[in-house]
C-alpha atoms as a PDB file:
ATOM      1  CA  MET A   1      -0.054  -0.183   0.114  1.00  0.00           C
ATOM      2  CA  ALA A   2       1.391   3.574  -0.722  1.00  0.00           C
ATOM      3  CA  VAL A   3       1.757   6.354   1.468  1.00  0.00           C
ATOM      4  CA  SER A   4      -0.379   8.930   0.993  1.00  0.00           C
ATOM      5  CA  SER A   5       0.479  12.371   0.587  1.00  0.00           C
ATOM      6  CA  ALA A   6      -1.407  13.263   2.849  1.00  0.00           C
ATOM      7  CA  PHE A   7       0.164  11.311   5.502  1.00  0.00           C
ATOM      8  CA  LYS A   8       3.788  12.341   4.282  1.00  0.00           C
ATOM      9  CA  ASN A   9       2.361  16.214   4.797  1.00  0.00           C
ATOM     10  CA  ASP A  10       1.171  15.536   8.216  1.00  0.00           C
ATOM     11  CA  LEU A  11       4.251  13.701   9.348  1.00  0.00           C
ATOM     12  CA  LEU A  12       6.692  16.188   7.942  1.00  0.00           C
ATOM     13  CA  ALA A  13       4.639  19.020   9.448  1.00  0.00           C
ATOM     14  CA  ALA A  14       4.804  17.043  13.474  1.00  0.00           C
ATOM     15  CA  ILE A  15       8.549  16.959  12.804  1.00  0.00           C
ATOM     16  CA  PRO A  16       8.969  19.889  15.078  1.00  0.00           C
ATOM     17  CA  ASN A  17       6.575  19.390  18.206  1.00  0.00           C
ATOM     18  CA  LEU A  18       7.996  15.549  17.950  1.00  0.00           C
ATOM     19  CA  ARG A  19      11.571  17.153  17.931  1.00  0.00           C
ATOM     20  CA  ALA A  20      10.799  19.456  21.254  1.00  0.00           C
ATOM     21  CA  PHE A  21       9.064  16.538  23.013  1.00  0.00           C
ATOM     22  CA  ALA A  22      12.241  14.341  22.541  1.00  0.00           C
ATOM     23  CA  VAL A  23      14.614  16.825  23.825  1.00  0.00           C
ATOM     24  CA  SER A  24      12.390  17.172  26.532  1.00  0.00           C
ATOM     25  CA  LEU A  25      12.538  13.266  27.606  1.00  0.00           C
ATOM     26  CA  THR A  26      15.792  13.074  26.467  1.00  0.00           C
ATOM     27  CA  GLN A  27      17.806  16.502  27.466  1.00  0.00           C
ATOM     28  CA  ASN A  28      20.049  15.937  24.815  1.00  0.00           C
ATOM     29  CA  ALA A  29      19.519  17.493  21.180  1.00  0.00           C
ATOM     30  CA  ASP A  30      21.762  14.682  19.292  1.00  0.00           C
ATOM     31  CA  LYS A  31      19.427  11.455  21.365  1.00  0.00           C
ATOM     32  CA  ALA A  32      16.227  13.804  20.919  1.00  0.00           C
ATOM     33  CA  ASP A  33      17.331  13.628  16.980  1.00  0.00           C
ATOM     34  CA  ASP A  34      17.727  10.294  17.305  1.00  0.00           C
ATOM     35  CA  LEU A  35      14.609   9.546  18.743  1.00  0.00           C
ATOM     36  CA  VAL A  36      12.448  11.366  16.180  1.00  0.00           C
ATOM     37  CA  GLN A  37      14.652  10.020  13.456  1.00  0.00           C
ATOM     38  CA  GLU A  38      13.590   6.265  14.825  1.00  0.00           C
ATOM     39  CA  THR A  39      10.188   7.261  15.750  1.00  0.00           C
ATOM     40  CA  LEU A  40       9.179   8.477  12.230  1.00  0.00           C
ATOM     41  CA  VAL A  41      10.904   4.745  10.689  1.00  0.00           C
ATOM     42  CA  LYS A  42       8.380   3.073  13.023  1.00  0.00           C
ATOM     43  CA  ALA A  43       5.658   5.415  11.477  1.00  0.00           C
ATOM     44  CA  TRP A  44       6.735   5.191   7.808  1.00  0.00           C
ATOM     45  CA  ASP A  45       6.735   1.179   8.086  1.00  0.00           C
ATOM     46  CA  LYS A  46       3.532   1.249  10.384  1.00  0.00           C
ATOM     47  CA  HIS A  47       1.422   3.959   8.101  1.00  0.00           C
ATOM     48  CA  GLU A  48      -1.107   1.255   7.373  1.00  0.00           C
ATOM     49  CA  SER A  49      -2.156   0.783  10.900  1.00  0.00           C
ATOM     50  CA  PHE A  50      -2.840   5.001  11.093  1.00  0.00           C
ATOM     51  CA  GLN A  51      -6.361   5.226  10.662  1.00  0.00           C
ATOM     52  CA  MET A  52      -6.716   8.391   8.303  1.00  0.00           C
ATOM     53  CA  GLY A  53      -8.835  11.248   9.774  1.00  0.00           C
ATOM     54  CA  THR A  54      -7.872  10.559  13.511  1.00  0.00           C
ATOM     55  CA  ASN A  55      -4.835  11.919  15.434  1.00  0.00           C
ATOM     56  CA  LEU A  56      -1.649  11.831  13.710  1.00  0.00           C
ATOM     57  CA  LYS A  57       0.177  13.756  15.820  1.00  0.00           C
ATOM     58  CA  ALA A  58      -1.041  11.601  18.965  1.00  0.00           C
ATOM     59  CA  TRP A  59      -0.127   8.297  17.131  1.00  0.00           C
ATOM     60  CA  LEU A  60       3.554   9.742  16.064  1.00  0.00           C
ATOM     61  CA  PHE A  61       3.742  11.153  20.486  1.00  0.00           C
ATOM     62  CA  THR A  62       2.704   7.735  21.238  1.00  0.00           C
ATOM     63  CA  ILE A  63       5.309   5.957  19.279  1.00  0.00           C
ATOM     64  CA  LEU A  64       8.009   8.352  20.100  1.00  0.00           C
ATOM     65  CA  ARG A  65       6.781   7.893  24.022  1.00  0.00           C
ATOM     66  CA  ASN A  66       7.083   4.089  23.777  1.00  0.00           C
ATOM     67  CA  GLU A  67      10.379   4.155  21.649  1.00  0.00           C
ATOM     68  CA  PHE A  68      12.054   6.324  24.856  1.00  0.00           C
ATOM     69  CA  TYR A  69      11.232   4.312  27.414  1.00  0.00           C
ATOM     70  CA  SER A  70      12.644   1.416  25.234  1.00  0.00           C
ATOM     71  CA  GLN A  71      15.512   2.466  25.178  1.00  0.00           C
ATOM     72  CA  MET A  72      15.583   3.563  28.461  1.00  0.00           C
ATOM     73  CA  ARG A  73      14.947  -0.060  29.481  1.00  0.00           C
ATOM     74  CA  LYS A  74      17.537  -1.296  27.418  1.00  0.00           C
ATOM     75  CA  ARG A  75      19.677   1.388  28.740  1.00  0.00           C
ATOM     76  CA  GLY A  76      19.221   0.084  32.007  1.00  0.00           C
ATOM     77  CA  ARG A  77      21.019  -3.318  31.452  1.00  0.00           C
ATOM     78  CA  GLU A  78      23.811  -2.044  29.473  1.00  0.00           C
ATOM     79  CA  VAL A  79      26.985  -1.296  30.866  1.00  0.00           C
ATOM     80  CA  GLN A  80      28.992   1.629  29.414  1.00  0.00           C
ATOM     81  CA  ASP A  81      32.589   0.845  29.183  1.00  0.00           C
ATOM     82  CA  SER A  82      33.989   3.069  26.079  1.00  0.00           C
ATOM     83  CA  ASP A  83      37.487   3.210  27.525  1.00  0.00           C
ATOM     84  CA  GLY A  84      37.206  -0.909  27.803  1.00  0.00           C
ATOM     85  CA  VAL A  85      38.408  -1.253  31.067  1.00  0.00           C
ATOM     86  CA  MET A  86      35.759  -3.335  32.284  1.00  0.00           C
ATOM     87  CA  THR A  87      36.683  -5.372  29.310  1.00  0.00           C
ATOM     88  CA  GLU A  88      39.888  -5.919  29.842  1.00  0.00           C
ATOM     89  CA  ARG A  89      39.158  -7.522  33.562  1.00  0.00           C
ATOM     90  CA  LEU A  90      36.541  -9.741  32.094  1.00  0.00           C
ATOM     91  CA  ALA A  91      38.436 -12.903  32.096  1.00  0.00           C
ATOM     92  CA  VAL A  92      37.728 -16.509  30.878  1.00  0.00           C
ATOM     93  CA  HIS A  93      39.349 -19.095  32.873  1.00  0.00           C
ATOM     94  CA  PRO A  94      40.030 -22.420  30.869  1.00  0.00           C
ATOM     95  CA  SER A  95      36.713 -24.306  30.335  1.00  0.00           C
ATOM     96  CA  GLN A  96      38.488 -27.988  31.013  1.00  0.00           C
ATOM     97  CA  HIS A  97      39.038 -27.037  34.563  1.00  0.00           C
ATOM     98  CA  GLY A  98      35.637 -25.621  35.375  1.00  0.00           C
ATOM     99  CA  LEU A  99      34.296 -28.947  33.514  1.00  0.00           C
ATOM    100  CA  LEU A 100      36.454 -31.234  35.489  1.00  0.00           C
ATOM    101  CA  ASP A 101      35.382 -29.241  38.372  1.00  0.00           C
ATOM    102  CA  LEU A 102      31.803 -29.555  37.580  1.00  0.00           C
ATOM    103  CA  GLU A 103      31.774 -33.096  37.469  1.00  0.00           C
ATOM    104  CA  ASP A 104      33.831 -33.830  40.589  1.00  0.00           C
ATOM    105  CA  PHE A 105      31.224 -31.667  42.184  1.00  0.00           C
ATOM    106  CA  ARG A 106      28.603 -34.059  40.943  1.00  0.00           C
ATOM    107  CA  GLY A 107      30.174 -36.712  41.570  1.00  0.00           C
ATOM    108  CA  ALA A 108      30.551 -35.594  45.240  1.00  0.00           C
ATOM    109  CA  LEU A 109      26.873 -34.488  45.111  1.00  0.00           C
ATOM    110  CA  GLU A 110      25.721 -37.716  43.984  1.00  0.00           C
ATOM    111  CA  GLN A 111      27.633 -39.386  47.260  1.00  0.00           C
ATOM    112  CA  LEU A 112      25.412 -36.989  50.057  1.00  0.00           C
ATOM    113  CA  PRO A 113      22.484 -38.569  51.499  1.00  0.00           C
ATOM    114  CA  GLN A 114      19.393 -37.723  49.516  1.00  0.00           C
ATOM    115  CA  ASP A 115      17.827 -35.486  52.227  1.00  0.00           C
ATOM    116  CA  GLN A 116      21.021 -33.372  52.344  1.00  0.00           C
ATOM    117  CA  ARG A 117      21.310 -33.142  48.434  1.00  0.00           C
ATOM    118  CA  GLU A 118      17.997 -32.342  48.206  1.00  0.00           C
ATOM    119  CA  ALA A 119      17.967 -29.429  50.394  1.00  0.00           C
ATOM    120  CA  ILE A 120      21.324 -27.940  49.110  1.00  0.00           C
ATOM    121  CA  ILE A 121      20.198 -27.815  45.427  1.00  0.00           C
ATOM    122  CA  LEU A 122      16.802 -26.393  46.597  1.00  0.00           C
ATOM    123  CA  ILE A 123      18.918 -23.892  48.030  1.00  0.00           C
ATOM    124  CA  GLY A 124      22.252 -23.531  46.554  1.00  0.00           C
ATOM    125  CA  ALA A 125      21.279 -24.126  43.011  1.00  0.00           C
ATOM    126  CA  SER A 126      17.293 -23.513  42.692  1.00  0.00           C
ATOM    127  CA  GLY A 127      17.504 -20.414  44.512  1.00  0.00           C
ATOM    128  CA  PHE A 128      14.745 -20.992  47.091  1.00  0.00           C
ATOM    129  CA  SER A 129      14.642 -19.728  50.405  1.00  0.00           C
ATOM    130  CA  TYR A 130      14.953 -21.951  53.827  1.00  0.00           C
ATOM    131  CA  GLU A 131      11.502 -21.341  54.642  1.00  0.00           C
ATOM    132  CA  GLU A 132      10.299 -22.056  50.835  1.00  0.00           C
ATOM    133  CA  ALA A 133      12.643 -25.263  50.524  1.00  0.00           C
ATOM    134  CA  ALA A 134      11.154 -26.400  54.383  1.00  0.00           C
ATOM    135  CA  GLU A 135       7.668 -26.070  53.073  1.00  0.00           C
ATOM    136  CA  ILE A 136       8.819 -28.257  49.482  1.00  0.00           C
ATOM    137  CA  CYS A 137      10.327 -30.811  51.920  1.00  0.00           C
ATOM    138  CA  GLY A 138       7.781 -30.968  54.447  1.00  0.00           C
ATOM    139  CA  CYS A 139       9.701 -30.125  57.513  1.00  0.00           C
ATOM    140  CA  ALA A 140      11.198 -27.399  59.830  1.00  0.00           C
ATOM    141  CA  VAL A 141      12.862 -24.575  58.900  1.00  0.00           C
ATOM    142  CA  GLY A 142      15.989 -25.736  61.020  1.00  0.00           C
ATOM    143  CA  THR A 143      15.796 -29.266  59.601  1.00  0.00           C
ATOM    144  CA  ILE A 144      16.940 -27.389  55.869  1.00  0.00           C
ATOM    145  CA  LYS A 145      19.467 -25.080  57.353  1.00  0.00           C
ATOM    146  CA  SER A 146      20.715 -28.221  59.410  1.00  0.00           C
ATOM    147  CA  ARG A 147      20.612 -30.213  56.047  1.00  0.00           C
ATOM    148  CA  VAL A 148      22.264 -27.885  54.049  1.00  0.00           C
ATOM    149  CA  SER A 149      24.941 -26.692  56.364  1.00  0.00           C
ATOM    150  CA  ARG A 150      25.977 -30.584  56.881  1.00  0.00           C
ATOM    151  CA  ALA A 151      25.810 -31.413  52.918  1.00  0.00           C
ATOM    152  CA  ARG A 152      28.165 -28.070  52.535  1.00  0.00           C
ATOM    153  CA  ASN A 153      30.733 -29.911  55.252  1.00  0.00           C
ATOM    154  CA  ARG A 154      30.232 -33.223  53.367  1.00  0.00           C
ATOM    155  CA  LEU A 155      30.770 -32.011  50.246  1.00  0.00           C
ATOM    156  CA  GLN A 156      34.288 -29.741  51.229  1.00  0.00           C
ATOM    157  CA  GLU A 157      35.893 -33.178  52.705  1.00  0.00           C
ATOM    158  CA  ILE A 158      35.002 -35.201  49.758  1.00  0.00           C
ATOM    159  CA  LEU A 159      36.184 -32.308  47.234  1.00  0.00           C
ATOM    160  CA  LYS A 160      39.510 -32.228  49.599  1.00  0.00           C
ATOM    161  CA  ILE A 161      38.164 -28.249  50.054  1.00  0.00           C
ATOM    162  CA  SER A 162      39.204 -26.002  53.196  1.00  0.00           C
ATOM    163  CA  GLY A 163      37.648 -22.534  52.032  1.00  0.00           C
ATOM    164  CA  GLU A 164      36.199 -20.053  49.348  1.00  0.00           C
ATOM    165  CA  SER A 165      40.037 -19.601  48.447  1.00  0.00           C
ATOM    166  CA  GLU A 166      39.979 -23.041  46.539  1.00  0.00           C
ATOM    167  CA  TYR A 167      37.403 -21.619  44.455  1.00  0.00           C
ATOM    168  CA  GLY A 168      37.856 -20.750  41.083  1.00  0.00           C
ATOM    169  CA  PRO A 169      41.004 -20.940  39.055  1.00  0.00           C
ATOM    170  CA  ASP A 170      44.794 -22.084  40.819  1.00  0.00           C
ATOM    171  CA  ALA A 171      47.234 -19.490  40.753  1.00  0.00           C
ATOM    172  CA  ILE A 172      48.921 -20.029  37.885  1.00  0.00           C
ATOM    173  CA  SER A 173      45.390 -19.792  35.846  1.00  0.00           C
ATOM    174  CA  ALA A 174      44.902 -16.046  38.426  1.00  0.00           C
ATOM    175  CA  GLN A 175      48.508 -14.904  37.571  1.00  0.00           C
ATOM    176  CA  VAL A 176      47.642 -15.475  32.946  1.00  0.00           C
ATOM    177  CA  THR A 177      44.176 -14.448  33.581  1.00  0.00           C
ATOM    178  CA  GLY A 178      45.295 -11.372  35.776  1.00  0.00           C
ATOM    179  CA  SER A 179      42.931 -12.771  38.619  1.00  0.00           C
ATOM    180  CA  ASN A 180      43.895 -12.033  41.862  1.00  0.00           C
ATOM    181  CA  ALA A 181      41.685 -14.852  43.655  1.00  0.00           C
ATOM    182  CA  ALA A 182      44.766 -16.669  45.068  1.00  0.00           C
END
């Protein structure tokens, strides 16, 4: 379906008002221009959904506002790292060590009594609270806490781990990747 000349003219006429609204939202002229451009592109792509004779300006302002909030939500999940400082700190430990550690952990987990294994999986892996885990298991909160504590202690014994410093990369891997876990 072709875009009518009336739609084109009304779209062009709305640009100054859209820009003023965008500047009020973004507090930045460049970002406002980008927002208006994105709004116009979306309106052009969806022109067939606009009912001629209704309020085009209100329709455009709704698109602009929704786009602004979508961008804000997206930016809230993004991390600004223009100079690369955070990227440099990101290091990936060799995957083979992690796979071996995971296999060891699974083996140790299988050695736990069923009630302790169930409790530590509910709390540690599934993220349930002690209260929720107690309800799931049909026992008291103190019983779940006790089972988790015994399971943690037993896992440390089986895996021959004496503390948190033994988790993660070994000393050599930490030096290579720049981690200071040792």
